[in-house]
Amino acid sequence: MKLSIVVPAFNETQRIVPTLDAILAYMANRQADFEVLVVDDGSEDGTAQLVSERFAGEPHLRVLAYAPNRGKGHAVRFGLRHAVGDWVLFSDADLSTPIAAVEAMLATGAAGADIVIGSRALGGAEIRERQPFYREAGGKLFNLLVRIMILPDLHDTQCGFKLIRSAAIATVLPQLEVDGFAFDVELLALARATGAQIVEVPVVWTNSPSSRVRMSAAARAYFDLLRIRRRARALRKQRPKVRADAR
C-alpha cells in the first residue's frame, strides 16, 4: 500500500520547511512506501524554489508548481491528479494536525472507509490553540449550514487533514470545480453521492496565527453550497438503484 501526501502551498516560505521535515522524518520511521507532493499554488515568495533547493535529492518528494494562484481547492485537485498512492492524505502546509494522526485514519480506512476526515468537533478531539472568536464563530456557522443543506452527519468538513482512497474518488475527481473555501464540501458531497463511505475521526489541532483563509473567501463559500447541493442531488439520482433482493 502506497501513501501519497499532498501539501498545497501558497506563499509558505516561513512554514513549509519545518512541516516537510516533520512529515519526511515521521514517514521514514514508519518504513512505508510513500511520496510527498508539494503543490505550489502560484506562490510569489519563492516557495517552490525553496522546497526544491532544500529537499534536492529527496527521493520521496516532488514539487508541482503552476501560475497564477488558483486557490486551495485547485491545488488539492492538482495534487490528487498527480498522486500515485492507493491512499492520498492532504494536509495544510502549517501542519495544524500532527502527521501522526494519519495512523488512526489508515486504520479506519482499512476497516472499510473510503474517506477519513479529521474532526475538531468530535469527542476526543483536542484543540491546543483556538482560532480568533470571529473565525471560530464563522466556521461553526458554515458547518451548521453544511449539515442542514448537504451533509447532515458530518460535524467538521473544513479541517485540513483528510485521507482519501484513490479509487473511491476517481469518478468524481474530474467533476470537482470549486477552488475556494468550500472545496472540501464539494469533494465530500459528490463522493458521498456516488456511494463513498465517509468517516470522521477526532484529531489534535492547533490554530496557525498566519492562516491563509480570508473572510471574504469564506463568505463566497456560502453561495457555493447551493451549487454543490444541486450537483450532489443530480449525481445521486444517476446512481444505479440496488434491488432489495440483491442486498
Protein backbone atom coordinates (compact mmCIF):
# COMPACT_ATOMS: atom_id res chain seq x y z
CA MET A 1 0.00 0.00 0.00
CA LYS A 2 1.43 3.35 -1.04
CA LEU A 3 0.50 6.63 0.64
CA SER A 4 0.64 9.95 -1.19
CA ILE A 5 0.75 13.10 0.95
CA VAL A 6 -0.39 16.27 -0.81
CA VAL A 7 0.61 19.60 0.73
CA PRO A 8 -0.96 22.62 -1.01
CA ALA A 9 1.20 25.70 -0.57
CA PHE A 10 0.75 29.40 -1.31
CA ASN A 11 3.47 31.81 -0.12
CA GLU A 12 4.65 29.35 2.52
CA THR A 13 8.38 30.07 2.80
CA GLN A 14 8.02 30.72 6.54
CA ARG A 15 6.26 27.44 7.37
CA ILE A 16 6.84 24.81 4.71
CA VAL A 17 10.33 23.54 5.62
CA PRO A 18 9.52 22.51 9.25
CA THR A 19 6.31 20.89 8.00
CA LEU A 20 8.10 18.83 5.36
CA ASP A 21 10.90 17.93 7.77
CA ALA A 22 8.30 16.57 10.20
CA ILE A 23 6.42 14.63 7.52
CA LEU A 24 9.52 13.08 5.97
CA ALA A 25 11.00 12.11 9.34
CA TYR A 26 7.79 10.51 10.50
CA MET A 27 7.20 8.59 7.30
CA ALA A 28 10.81 7.40 7.17
CA ASN A 29 10.41 5.96 10.67
CA ARG A 30 7.30 4.09 9.50
CA GLN A 31 9.39 2.45 6.77
CA ALA A 32 6.37 2.76 4.50
CA ASP A 33 6.00 3.27 0.77
CA PHE A 34 5.12 6.94 0.37
CA GLU A 35 5.51 10.13 -1.62
CA VAL A 36 5.09 13.78 -0.68
CA LEU A 37 3.72 16.18 -3.29
CA VAL A 38 4.14 19.89 -2.59
CA VAL A 39 1.72 21.76 -4.84
CA ASP A 40 2.83 25.36 -5.22
CA ASP A 41 -0.32 27.34 -5.97
CA GLY A 42 1.22 30.28 -7.82
CA SER A 43 3.32 31.49 -4.90
CA GLU A 44 5.09 34.83 -5.26
CA ASP A 45 7.62 34.36 -2.46
CA GLY A 46 9.78 31.59 -3.92
CA THR A 47 8.09 28.69 -2.12
CA ALA A 48 8.68 26.21 -4.96
CA GLN A 49 12.33 27.21 -5.34
CA LEU A 50 12.93 26.98 -1.60
CA VAL A 51 11.46 23.49 -1.37
CA SER A 52 13.27 22.30 -4.49
CA GLU A 53 16.62 23.52 -3.16
CA ARG A 54 16.13 22.47 0.45
CA PHE A 55 14.98 18.96 -0.45
CA ALA A 56 17.07 18.37 -3.56
CA GLY A 57 17.85 14.68 -3.81
CA GLU A 58 14.98 13.63 -1.54
CA PRO A 59 13.55 10.67 -3.49
CA HIS A 60 10.15 10.75 -1.78
CA LEU A 61 9.36 14.40 -2.50
CA ARG A 62 8.11 16.11 -5.66
CA VAL A 63 7.34 19.79 -6.24
CA LEU A 64 4.45 20.61 -8.58
CA ALA A 65 4.05 24.27 -9.47
CA TYR A 66 1.86 26.41 -11.68
CA ALA A 67 0.80 30.04 -12.01
CA PRO A 68 -1.17 32.10 -11.32
CA ASN A 69 -2.66 31.42 -7.91
CA ARG A 70 -5.92 29.47 -8.26
CA GLY A 71 -6.95 28.63 -4.70
CA LYS A 72 -6.53 25.74 -2.29
CA GLY A 73 -9.23 23.64 -3.93
CA HIS A 74 -7.44 23.77 -7.27
CA ALA A 75 -4.12 22.90 -5.59
CA VAL A 76 -5.59 19.86 -3.83
CA ARG A 77 -7.20 18.61 -7.05
CA PHE A 78 -3.91 19.10 -8.90
CA GLY A 79 -2.18 17.00 -6.26
CA LEU A 80 -4.85 14.32 -6.37
CA ARG A 81 -4.50 14.03 -10.13
CA HIS A 82 -0.73 13.55 -9.89
CA ALA A 83 -0.66 11.29 -6.83
CA VAL A 84 0.13 7.63 -7.43
CA GLY A 85 -0.70 6.24 -4.00
CA ASP A 86 -3.53 3.89 -3.12
CA TRP A 87 -4.43 6.41 -0.43
CA VAL A 88 -3.96 10.18 -0.57
CA LEU A 89 -3.65 12.35 2.53
CA PHE A 90 -3.87 16.08 2.10
CA SER A 91 -2.57 18.28 4.86
CA ASP A 92 -2.37 22.02 5.32
CA ALA A 93 1.11 23.49 4.99
CA ASP A 94 1.08 24.62 8.61
CA LEU A 95 0.58 21.01 9.80
CA SER A 96 -2.09 22.14 12.26
CA THR A 97 -2.85 18.45 12.78
CA PRO A 98 0.30 16.42 13.52
CA ILE A 99 1.23 13.92 10.82
CA ALA A 100 1.00 11.08 13.37
CA ALA A 101 -2.80 11.38 13.13
CA VAL A 102 -2.58 9.50 9.85
CA GLU A 103 -2.22 6.22 11.76
CA ALA A 104 -5.75 6.27 13.15
CA MET A 105 -7.04 7.34 9.75
CA LEU A 106 -5.33 4.50 7.91
CA ALA A 107 -6.76 2.05 10.44
CA THR A 108 -10.23 3.48 9.82
CA GLY A 109 -9.70 3.18 6.09
CA ALA A 110 -8.57 -0.43 6.46
CA ALA A 111 -11.84 -1.11 8.30
CA GLY A 112 -13.83 -0.06 5.24
CA ALA A 113 -13.99 3.73 4.98
CA ASP A 114 -13.30 5.38 1.63
CA ILE A 115 -12.67 8.86 3.01
CA VAL A 116 -11.49 9.61 6.55
CA ILE A 117 -11.66 13.23 7.70
CA GLY A 118 -10.05 14.80 10.71
CA SER A 119 -12.59 16.43 13.00
CA ARG A 120 -12.20 19.12 15.64
CA ALA A 121 -15.83 18.74 16.69
CA LEU A 122 -15.99 15.13 17.86
CA GLY A 123 -15.47 13.92 21.39
CA GLY A 124 -11.81 13.10 21.84
CA ALA A 125 -10.58 15.96 19.65
CA GLU A 126 -8.03 18.27 21.23
CA ILE A 127 -7.75 21.92 20.21
CA ARG A 128 -4.48 23.19 21.62
CA GLU A 129 -4.81 26.74 20.34
CA ARG A 130 -8.13 28.15 19.23
CA GLN A 131 -8.90 30.48 16.35
CA PRO A 132 -9.90 34.10 16.98
CA PHE A 133 -13.52 34.15 18.11
CA TYR A 134 -14.83 35.61 14.84
CA ARG A 135 -13.18 32.88 12.75
CA GLU A 136 -14.37 30.15 15.07
CA ALA A 137 -17.92 31.53 15.03
CA GLY A 138 -17.87 31.81 11.25
CA GLY A 139 -16.58 28.25 10.95
CA LYS A 140 -19.29 26.89 13.21
CA LEU A 141 -21.99 28.72 11.26
CA PHE A 142 -20.61 27.37 7.98
CA ASN A 143 -20.51 23.81 9.33
CA LEU A 144 -24.08 24.17 10.56
CA LEU A 145 -25.22 25.21 7.09
CA VAL A 146 -23.32 22.30 5.55
CA ARG A 147 -25.11 19.90 7.90
CA ILE A 148 -28.52 21.42 7.22
CA MET A 149 -28.13 21.63 3.46
CA ILE A 150 -25.82 18.83 2.32
CA LEU A 151 -24.02 16.52 4.78
CA PRO A 152 -26.14 16.16 7.94
CA ASP A 153 -23.98 13.51 9.59
CA LEU A 154 -20.61 15.29 9.32
CA HIS A 155 -19.58 17.68 12.06
CA ASP A 156 -16.41 19.27 10.65
CA THR A 157 -15.88 19.32 6.89
CA GLN A 158 -13.22 22.06 6.95
CA CYS A 159 -10.35 20.55 8.93
CA GLY A 160 -7.40 20.47 6.55
CA PHE A 161 -6.41 16.86 7.20
CA LYS A 162 -8.20 14.24 5.09
CA LEU A 163 -7.37 10.74 3.88
CA ILE A 164 -8.90 9.53 0.61
CA ARG A 165 -8.91 6.15 -1.09
CA SER A 166 -7.82 6.98 -4.63
CA ALA A 167 -10.17 4.52 -6.29
CA ALA A 168 -13.16 5.91 -4.39
CA ILE A 169 -12.98 9.38 -5.96
CA ALA A 170 -11.65 8.53 -9.43
CA THR A 171 -15.07 9.07 -11.00
CA VAL A 172 -15.82 12.38 -9.26
CA LEU A 173 -12.37 13.95 -9.44
CA PRO A 174 -12.91 15.30 -12.99
CA GLN A 175 -16.19 16.87 -11.84
CA LEU A 176 -14.71 18.90 -8.97
CA GLU A 177 -14.53 22.59 -9.75
CA VAL A 178 -14.69 24.69 -6.56
CA ASP A 179 -11.35 26.41 -5.96
CA GLY A 180 -12.25 28.25 -2.78
CA PHE A 181 -13.14 27.56 0.84
CA ALA A 182 -15.99 25.16 0.05
CA PHE A 183 -13.88 22.73 -1.99
CA ASP A 184 -13.89 20.24 0.91
CA VAL A 185 -17.68 20.20 0.93
CA GLU A 186 -17.81 19.64 -2.83
CA LEU A 187 -15.38 16.73 -2.66
CA LEU A 188 -17.22 15.07 0.22
CA ALA A 189 -20.71 15.70 -1.16
CA LEU A 190 -20.00 14.38 -4.65
CA ALA A 191 -18.07 11.40 -3.31
CA ARG A 192 -20.95 10.60 -0.92
CA ALA A 193 -23.39 10.91 -3.85
CA THR A 194 -21.50 8.12 -5.66
CA GLY A 195 -21.64 5.87 -2.61
CA ALA A 196 -18.32 6.57 -0.88
CA GLN A 197 -18.22 5.81 2.84
CA ILE A 198 -17.04 8.83 4.86
CA VAL A 199 -15.92 8.56 8.48
CA GLU A 200 -14.83 11.30 10.89
CA VAL A 201 -12.10 10.77 13.48
CA PRO A 202 -11.11 13.18 16.25
CA VAL A 203 -7.73 14.87 15.85
CA VAL A 204 -5.36 17.18 17.65
CA TRP A 205 -5.43 20.63 16.08
CA THR A 206 -3.53 23.88 16.67
CA ASN A 207 -4.55 27.12 15.01
CA SER A 208 -1.90 28.81 12.91
CA PRO A 209 -1.73 32.57 13.57
CA SER A 210 -0.92 33.19 9.91
CA SER A 211 -3.97 31.47 8.47
CA ARG A 212 -4.40 31.96 4.71
CA VAL A 213 -8.21 31.88 4.86
CA ARG A 214 -9.68 35.31 4.13
CA MET A 215 -13.12 36.16 5.47
CA SER A 216 -14.19 37.38 2.01
CA ALA A 217 -13.36 33.94 0.57
CA ALA A 218 -15.28 32.25 3.36
CA ALA A 219 -18.28 34.47 2.60
CA ARG A 220 -18.26 33.40 -1.05
CA ALA A 221 -18.31 29.78 0.10
CA TYR A 222 -21.85 30.16 1.39
CA PHE A 223 -23.06 30.71 -2.17
CA ASP A 224 -21.07 27.70 -3.36
CA LEU A 225 -23.11 25.48 -1.03
CA LEU A 226 -26.25 25.98 -3.09
CA ARG A 227 -24.47 24.86 -6.24
CA ILE A 228 -22.85 21.90 -4.51
CA ARG A 229 -26.18 20.72 -3.13
CA ARG A 230 -27.76 20.84 -6.57
CA ARG A 231 -24.91 18.94 -8.20
CA ALA A 232 -24.78 16.30 -5.46
CA ARG A 233 -28.51 15.66 -5.81
CA ALA A 234 -28.17 15.27 -9.58
CA LEU A 235 -25.26 12.87 -9.19
CA ARG A 236 -27.12 10.83 -6.58
CA LYS A 237 -30.04 10.38 -8.98
CA GLN A 238 -27.65 8.87 -11.52
CA ARG A 239 -26.55 6.09 -9.17
CA PRO A 240 -27.85 2.63 -10.11
CA LYS A 241 -30.62 1.51 -7.79
CA VAL A 242 -29.82 -1.53 -5.66
CA ARG A 243 -32.70 -4.01 -5.66
CA ALA A 244 -33.83 -5.12 -2.22
CA ASP A 245 -33.42 -8.80 -3.13
CA ALA A 246 -29.85 -8.17 -4.26
CA ARG A 247 -28.65 -6.86 -0.91
